[in-house]
Amino acid sequence: FTGRQRTSVRKAERDGIKVKRHSSKMAMDIFSDFFAANVAEKGRKRIYTKKFYRALIETSGDDAVSVYLAELAGRHISAIVILSWGNTAFYWASAHRPGERVSGANNILLNQALKDASEEGRGIFNFGRSTGLNGVIKFKQSFGAVSTETRSLLYQSSTYRSVRRIKAGLPGSLRNI
């Protein structure tokens, strides 16, 4: 951790931000609501439904899906989701209360997730891809993350490819249907 990161975590603690780890539908619902609102604030469409997020909790094994919630003055202000298997903990997503960004909330959440992963004997904490997002890269590096080359596999069914080709030929206003 960089000195600046440690300072950010200590400040969040002094400000009264508390962190709790959950594997419950209630916690996932809070994350889902935050995430949907954050996506809408950016003018994008929701990627996953609340039903999908709940299914993650319902179908995963013990501690395979953890939702870390940050609280301030009795209100949830931020959330992250960590997926864990074998030797790996994966920082899958984060979200915050709509219209609010509390300084240090994500920092303290990640700090706790990293501690938990270490205590559970997980040798890898995967922060996920951040190609071309320099601010995100610097944030992750402040926790000690190092860049690793990865490969991705993308599978698209022939039906999906056909629909994409058809949509590409439509006038602009019809493409977003």
C-alpha atoms as a PDB file:
ATOM      1  CA  PHE A   1       0.000   0.000   0.000  1.00  0.00           C
ATOM      2  CA  THR A   2       1.199   3.493  -0.715  1.00  0.00           C
ATOM      3  CA  GLY A   3       1.394   5.970   2.138  1.00  0.00           C
ATOM      4  CA  ARG A   4      -1.430   7.935   0.567  1.00  0.00           C
ATOM      5  CA  GLN A   5      -3.633   4.816   0.520  1.00  0.00           C
ATOM      6  CA  ARG A   6      -2.947   4.061   4.194  1.00  0.00           C
ATOM      7  CA  THR A   7      -3.767   7.684   5.036  1.00  0.00           C
ATOM      8  CA  SER A   8      -7.047   7.441   3.115  1.00  0.00           C
ATOM      9  CA  VAL A   9      -8.052   4.292   5.027  1.00  0.00           C
ATOM     10  CA  ARG A  10      -7.162   5.835   8.410  1.00  0.00           C
ATOM     11  CA  LYS A  11      -9.124   8.994   7.536  1.00  0.00           C
ATOM     12  CA  ALA A  12     -12.161   6.902   6.592  1.00  0.00           C
ATOM     13  CA  GLU A  13     -11.888   5.099   9.947  1.00  0.00           C
ATOM     14  CA  ARG A  14     -11.597   8.429  11.816  1.00  0.00           C
ATOM     15  CA  ASP A  15     -14.627   9.743   9.898  1.00  0.00           C
ATOM     16  CA  GLY A  16     -16.635   6.824  11.296  1.00  0.00           C
ATOM     17  CA  ILE A  17     -16.984   4.645   8.205  1.00  0.00           C
ATOM     18  CA  LYS A  18     -17.630   1.055   9.269  1.00  0.00           C
ATOM     19  CA  VAL A  19     -17.214  -2.027   7.076  1.00  0.00           C
ATOM     20  CA  LYS A  20     -19.258  -5.208   7.267  1.00  0.00           C
ATOM     21  CA  ARG A  21     -18.914  -8.333   5.136  1.00  0.00           C
ATOM     22  CA  HIS A  22     -22.084 -10.122   4.063  1.00  0.00           C
ATOM     23  CA  SER A  23     -23.168 -13.071   1.953  1.00  0.00           C
ATOM     24  CA  SER A  24     -26.858 -12.241   2.060  1.00  0.00           C
ATOM     25  CA  LYS A  25     -29.550 -11.323  -0.452  1.00  0.00           C
ATOM     26  CA  MET A  26     -30.201  -8.139   1.539  1.00  0.00           C
ATOM     27  CA  ALA A  27     -26.610  -6.966   1.036  1.00  0.00           C
ATOM     28  CA  MET A  28     -26.664  -7.929  -2.634  1.00  0.00           C
ATOM     29  CA  ASP A  29     -29.922  -5.977  -3.066  1.00  0.00           C
ATOM     30  CA  ILE A  30     -28.222  -2.874  -1.636  1.00  0.00           C
ATOM     31  CA  PHE A  31     -25.303  -3.326  -4.024  1.00  0.00           C
ATOM     32  CA  SER A  32     -27.685  -3.966  -6.946  1.00  0.00           C
ATOM     33  CA  ASP A  33     -29.693  -0.813  -6.232  1.00  0.00           C
ATOM     34  CA  PHE A  34     -26.522   1.307  -5.945  1.00  0.00           C
ATOM     35  CA  PHE A  35     -25.068  -0.180  -9.123  1.00  0.00           C
ATOM     36  CA  ALA A  36     -28.267   0.334 -11.147  1.00  0.00           C
ATOM     37  CA  ALA A  37     -28.434   3.969 -10.023  1.00  0.00           C
ATOM     38  CA  ASN A  38     -24.723   4.547 -10.795  1.00  0.00           C
ATOM     39  CA  VAL A  39     -25.179   3.115 -14.295  1.00  0.00           C
ATOM     40  CA  ALA A  40     -28.280   5.275 -14.844  1.00  0.00           C
ATOM     41  CA  GLU A  41     -26.356   8.384 -13.662  1.00  0.00           C
ATOM     42  CA  LYS A  42     -23.922   7.726 -16.514  1.00  0.00           C
ATOM     43  CA  GLY A  43     -26.783   7.364 -19.002  1.00  0.00           C
ATOM     44  CA  ARG A  44     -26.224   3.655 -19.521  1.00  0.00           C
ATOM     45  CA  LYS A  45     -28.560   0.677 -19.342  1.00  0.00           C
ATOM     46  CA  ARG A  46     -28.524  -1.783 -16.470  1.00  0.00           C
ATOM     47  CA  ILE A  47     -26.353  -4.796 -17.291  1.00  0.00           C
ATOM     48  CA  TYR A  48     -27.702  -7.332 -14.809  1.00  0.00           C
ATOM     49  CA  THR A  49     -31.040  -7.634 -13.028  1.00  0.00           C
ATOM     50  CA  LYS A  50     -31.539  -7.850  -9.289  1.00  0.00           C
ATOM     51  CA  LYS A  51     -32.586 -11.446  -9.898  1.00  0.00           C
ATOM     52  CA  PHE A  52     -29.142 -12.168 -11.392  1.00  0.00           C
ATOM     53  CA  TYR A  53     -27.326 -10.652  -8.410  1.00  0.00           C
ATOM     54  CA  ARG A  54     -29.484 -12.624  -5.968  1.00  0.00           C
ATOM     55  CA  ALA A  55     -28.773 -15.825  -7.912  1.00  0.00           C
ATOM     56  CA  LEU A  56     -25.056 -15.243  -7.349  1.00  0.00           C
ATOM     57  CA  ILE A  57     -25.639 -15.421  -3.596  1.00  0.00           C
ATOM     58  CA  GLU A  58     -28.162 -18.275  -3.760  1.00  0.00           C
ATOM     59  CA  THR A  59     -26.093 -20.577  -5.968  1.00  0.00           C
ATOM     60  CA  SER A  60     -22.590 -19.949  -4.676  1.00  0.00           C
ATOM     61  CA  GLY A  61     -20.836 -21.917  -1.975  1.00  0.00           C
ATOM     62  CA  ASP A  62     -19.816 -20.602   1.427  1.00  0.00           C
ATOM     63  CA  ASP A  63     -18.022 -17.260   1.149  1.00  0.00           C
ATOM     64  CA  ALA A  64     -17.718 -17.577  -2.650  1.00  0.00           C
ATOM     65  CA  VAL A  65     -19.555 -14.246  -3.005  1.00  0.00           C
ATOM     66  CA  SER A  66     -18.973 -11.519  -0.449  1.00  0.00           C
ATOM     67  CA  VAL A  67     -20.620  -8.125  -0.393  1.00  0.00           C
ATOM     68  CA  TYR A  68     -18.721  -5.560   1.632  1.00  0.00           C
ATOM     69  CA  LEU A  69     -20.864  -2.637   2.759  1.00  0.00           C
ATOM     70  CA  ALA A  70     -19.532   0.670   4.058  1.00  0.00           C
ATOM     71  CA  GLU A  71     -21.738   2.445   6.583  1.00  0.00           C
ATOM     72  CA  LEU A  72     -21.609   6.014   7.787  1.00  0.00           C
ATOM     73  CA  ALA A  73     -23.968   7.267  10.475  1.00  0.00           C
ATOM     74  CA  GLY A  74     -26.139   4.168  10.087  1.00  0.00           C
ATOM     75  CA  ARG A  75     -26.521   4.517   6.295  1.00  0.00           C
ATOM     76  CA  HIS A  76     -24.986   2.311   3.637  1.00  0.00           C
ATOM     77  CA  ILE A  77     -22.823   4.512   1.425  1.00  0.00           C
ATOM     78  CA  SER A  78     -20.769   2.157  -0.725  1.00  0.00           C
ATOM     79  CA  ALA A  79     -20.457  -1.525  -1.638  1.00  0.00           C
ATOM     80  CA  ILE A  80     -18.068  -3.897  -3.370  1.00  0.00           C
ATOM     81  CA  VAL A  81     -18.516  -7.499  -4.499  1.00  0.00           C
ATOM     82  CA  ILE A  82     -15.683 -10.007  -4.156  1.00  0.00           C
ATOM     83  CA  LEU A  83     -15.864 -13.422  -5.839  1.00  0.00           C
ATOM     84  CA  SER A  84     -13.612 -16.067  -4.283  1.00  0.00           C
ATOM     85  CA  TRP A  85     -12.515 -19.526  -5.348  1.00  0.00           C
ATOM     86  CA  GLY A  86      -9.445 -21.588  -4.538  1.00  0.00           C
ATOM     87  CA  ASN A  87      -6.411 -19.357  -4.202  1.00  0.00           C
ATOM     88  CA  THR A  88      -8.099 -16.293  -5.739  1.00  0.00           C
ATOM     89  CA  ALA A  89     -10.239 -13.377  -4.613  1.00  0.00           C
ATOM     90  CA  PHE A  90     -11.610 -11.291  -7.495  1.00  0.00           C
ATOM     91  CA  TYR A  91     -12.749  -7.669  -7.097  1.00  0.00           C
ATOM     92  CA  TRP A  92     -15.782  -7.918  -9.368  1.00  0.00           C
ATOM     93  CA  ALA A  93     -17.633  -4.633  -8.937  1.00  0.00           C
ATOM     94  CA  SER A  94     -18.223  -1.554  -6.814  1.00  0.00           C
ATOM     95  CA  ALA A  95     -21.025   0.968  -6.405  1.00  0.00           C
ATOM     96  CA  HIS A  96     -22.002   3.857  -4.154  1.00  0.00           C
ATOM     97  CA  ARG A  97     -25.152   5.503  -2.873  1.00  0.00           C
ATOM     98  CA  PRO A  98     -26.628   7.515  -5.763  1.00  0.00           C
ATOM     99  CA  GLY A  99     -25.512  11.122  -5.865  1.00  0.00           C
ATOM    100  CA  GLU A 100     -22.953  10.617  -3.100  1.00  0.00           C
ATOM    101  CA  ARG A 101     -19.295   9.757  -3.120  1.00  0.00           C
ATOM    102  CA  VAL A 102     -17.817   9.636   0.333  1.00  0.00           C
ATOM    103  CA  SER A 103     -14.058  10.043   0.354  1.00  0.00           C
ATOM    104  CA  GLY A 104     -12.278   6.854   1.360  1.00  0.00           C
ATOM    105  CA  ALA A 105     -15.317   4.550   1.292  1.00  0.00           C
ATOM    106  CA  ASN A 106     -14.037   2.282  -1.487  1.00  0.00           C
ATOM    107  CA  ASN A 107     -10.538   2.444  -0.032  1.00  0.00           C
ATOM    108  CA  ILE A 108     -11.644   1.101   3.330  1.00  0.00           C
ATOM    109  CA  LEU A 109     -13.803  -1.574   1.689  1.00  0.00           C
ATOM    110  CA  LEU A 110     -10.908  -2.825  -0.435  1.00  0.00           C
ATOM    111  CA  ASN A 111      -8.563  -2.654   2.527  1.00  0.00           C
ATOM    112  CA  GLN A 112     -10.852  -5.020   4.465  1.00  0.00           C
ATOM    113  CA  ALA A 113     -11.349  -7.324   1.475  1.00  0.00           C
ATOM    114  CA  LEU A 114      -7.575  -7.590   1.021  1.00  0.00           C
ATOM    115  CA  LYS A 115      -7.107  -8.375   4.727  1.00  0.00           C
ATOM    116  CA  ASP A 116      -9.816 -11.047   4.605  1.00  0.00           C
ATOM    117  CA  ALA A 117      -8.348 -12.621   1.457  1.00  0.00           C
ATOM    118  CA  SER A 118      -4.934 -12.765   3.098  1.00  0.00           C
ATOM    119  CA  GLU A 119      -6.311 -14.264   6.320  1.00  0.00           C
ATOM    120  CA  GLU A 120      -8.151 -16.899   4.238  1.00  0.00           C
ATOM    121  CA  GLY A 121      -4.877 -17.864   2.572  1.00  0.00           C
ATOM    122  CA  ARG A 122      -5.743 -16.536  -0.872  1.00  0.00           C
ATOM    123  CA  GLY A 123      -2.488 -15.856  -2.705  1.00  0.00           C
ATOM    124  CA  ILE A 124      -4.049 -13.840  -5.518  1.00  0.00           C
ATOM    125  CA  PHE A 125      -6.234 -10.755  -5.251  1.00  0.00           C
ATOM    126  CA  ASN A 126      -7.338  -9.944  -8.785  1.00  0.00           C
ATOM    127  CA  PHE A 127      -8.390  -6.324  -9.231  1.00  0.00           C
ATOM    128  CA  GLY A 128      -9.747  -7.026 -12.723  1.00  0.00           C
ATOM    129  CA  ARG A 129      -9.073  -5.329 -16.037  1.00  0.00           C
ATOM    130  CA  SER A 130      -8.514  -1.611 -16.334  1.00  0.00           C
ATOM    131  CA  THR A 131      -7.037  -1.262 -19.806  1.00  0.00           C
ATOM    132  CA  GLY A 132      -6.819   2.393 -20.823  1.00  0.00           C
ATOM    133  CA  LEU A 133      -8.283   3.695 -17.545  1.00  0.00           C
ATOM    134  CA  ASN A 134      -5.274   5.498 -16.082  1.00  0.00           C
ATOM    135  CA  GLY A 135      -7.040   6.762 -12.954  1.00  0.00           C
ATOM    136  CA  VAL A 136      -8.320   3.255 -12.190  1.00  0.00           C
ATOM    137  CA  ILE A 137      -4.864   1.797 -12.799  1.00  0.00           C
ATOM    138  CA  LYS A 138      -3.276   4.265 -10.347  1.00  0.00           C
ATOM    139  CA  PHE A 139      -5.976   3.532  -7.747  1.00  0.00           C
ATOM    140  CA  LYS A 140      -5.329  -0.218  -7.987  1.00  0.00           C
ATOM    141  CA  GLN A 141      -1.555   0.275  -7.906  1.00  0.00           C
ATOM    142  CA  SER A 142      -1.928   2.260  -4.682  1.00  0.00           C
ATOM    143  CA  PHE A 143      -3.011  -1.034  -3.074  1.00  0.00           C
ATOM    144  CA  GLY A 144       0.079  -2.788  -4.406  1.00  0.00           C
ATOM    145  CA  ALA A 145      -1.500  -4.211  -7.558  1.00  0.00           C
ATOM    146  CA  VAL A 146       0.825  -5.051 -10.426  1.00  0.00           C
ATOM    147  CA  SER A 147      -0.142  -5.327 -14.072  1.00  0.00           C
ATOM    148  CA  THR A 148      -0.410  -8.822 -15.460  1.00  0.00           C
ATOM    149  CA  GLU A 149      -1.007  -9.734 -19.069  1.00  0.00           C
ATOM    150  CA  THR A 150      -4.262 -11.616 -19.497  1.00  0.00           C
ATOM    151  CA  ARG A 151      -6.183 -13.129 -22.351  1.00  0.00           C
ATOM    152  CA  SER A 152      -9.899 -12.989 -22.897  1.00  0.00           C
ATOM    153  CA  LEU A 153     -12.125 -15.362 -24.763  1.00  0.00           C
ATOM    154  CA  LEU A 154     -15.266 -13.981 -26.340  1.00  0.00           C
ATOM    155  CA  TYR A 155     -17.911 -16.310 -27.666  1.00  0.00           C
ATOM    156  CA  GLN A 156     -20.752 -14.963 -29.775  1.00  0.00           C
ATOM    157  CA  SER A 157     -23.432 -17.230 -31.165  1.00  0.00           C
ATOM    158  CA  SER A 158     -24.201 -17.066 -34.860  1.00  0.00           C
ATOM    159  CA  THR A 159     -27.624 -15.609 -33.984  1.00  0.00           C
ATOM    160  CA  TYR A 160     -26.016 -12.803 -31.979  1.00  0.00           C
ATOM    161  CA  ARG A 161     -23.554 -12.032 -34.801  1.00  0.00           C
ATOM    162  CA  SER A 162     -26.422 -11.936 -37.313  1.00  0.00           C
ATOM    163  CA  VAL A 163     -28.454  -9.538 -35.183  1.00  0.00           C
ATOM    164  CA  ARG A 164     -25.403  -7.270 -34.795  1.00  0.00           C
ATOM    165  CA  ARG A 165     -24.873  -7.178 -38.559  1.00  0.00           C
ATOM    166  CA  ILE A 166     -28.550  -6.341 -39.158  1.00  0.00           C
ATOM    167  CA  LYS A 167     -28.526  -3.613 -36.489  1.00  0.00           C
ATOM    168  CA  ALA A 168     -25.353  -2.109 -37.960  1.00  0.00           C
ATOM    169  CA  GLY A 169     -27.206  -1.624 -41.258  1.00  0.00           C
ATOM    170  CA  LEU A 170     -30.130   0.238 -39.660  1.00  0.00           C
ATOM    171  CA  PRO A 171     -30.405   4.020 -39.470  1.00  0.00           C
ATOM    172  CA  GLY A 172     -28.867   5.463 -36.285  1.00  0.00           C
ATOM    173  CA  SER A 173     -32.164   6.058 -34.450  1.00  0.00           C
ATOM    174  CA  LEU A 174     -33.193   2.403 -34.854  1.00  0.00           C
ATOM    175  CA  ARG A 175     -29.892   0.838 -33.745  1.00  0.00           C
ATOM    176  CA  ASN A 176     -30.608   1.230 -30.022  1.00  0.00           C
ATOM    177  CA  ILE A 177     -33.825  -0.749 -30.054  1.00  0.00           C
END
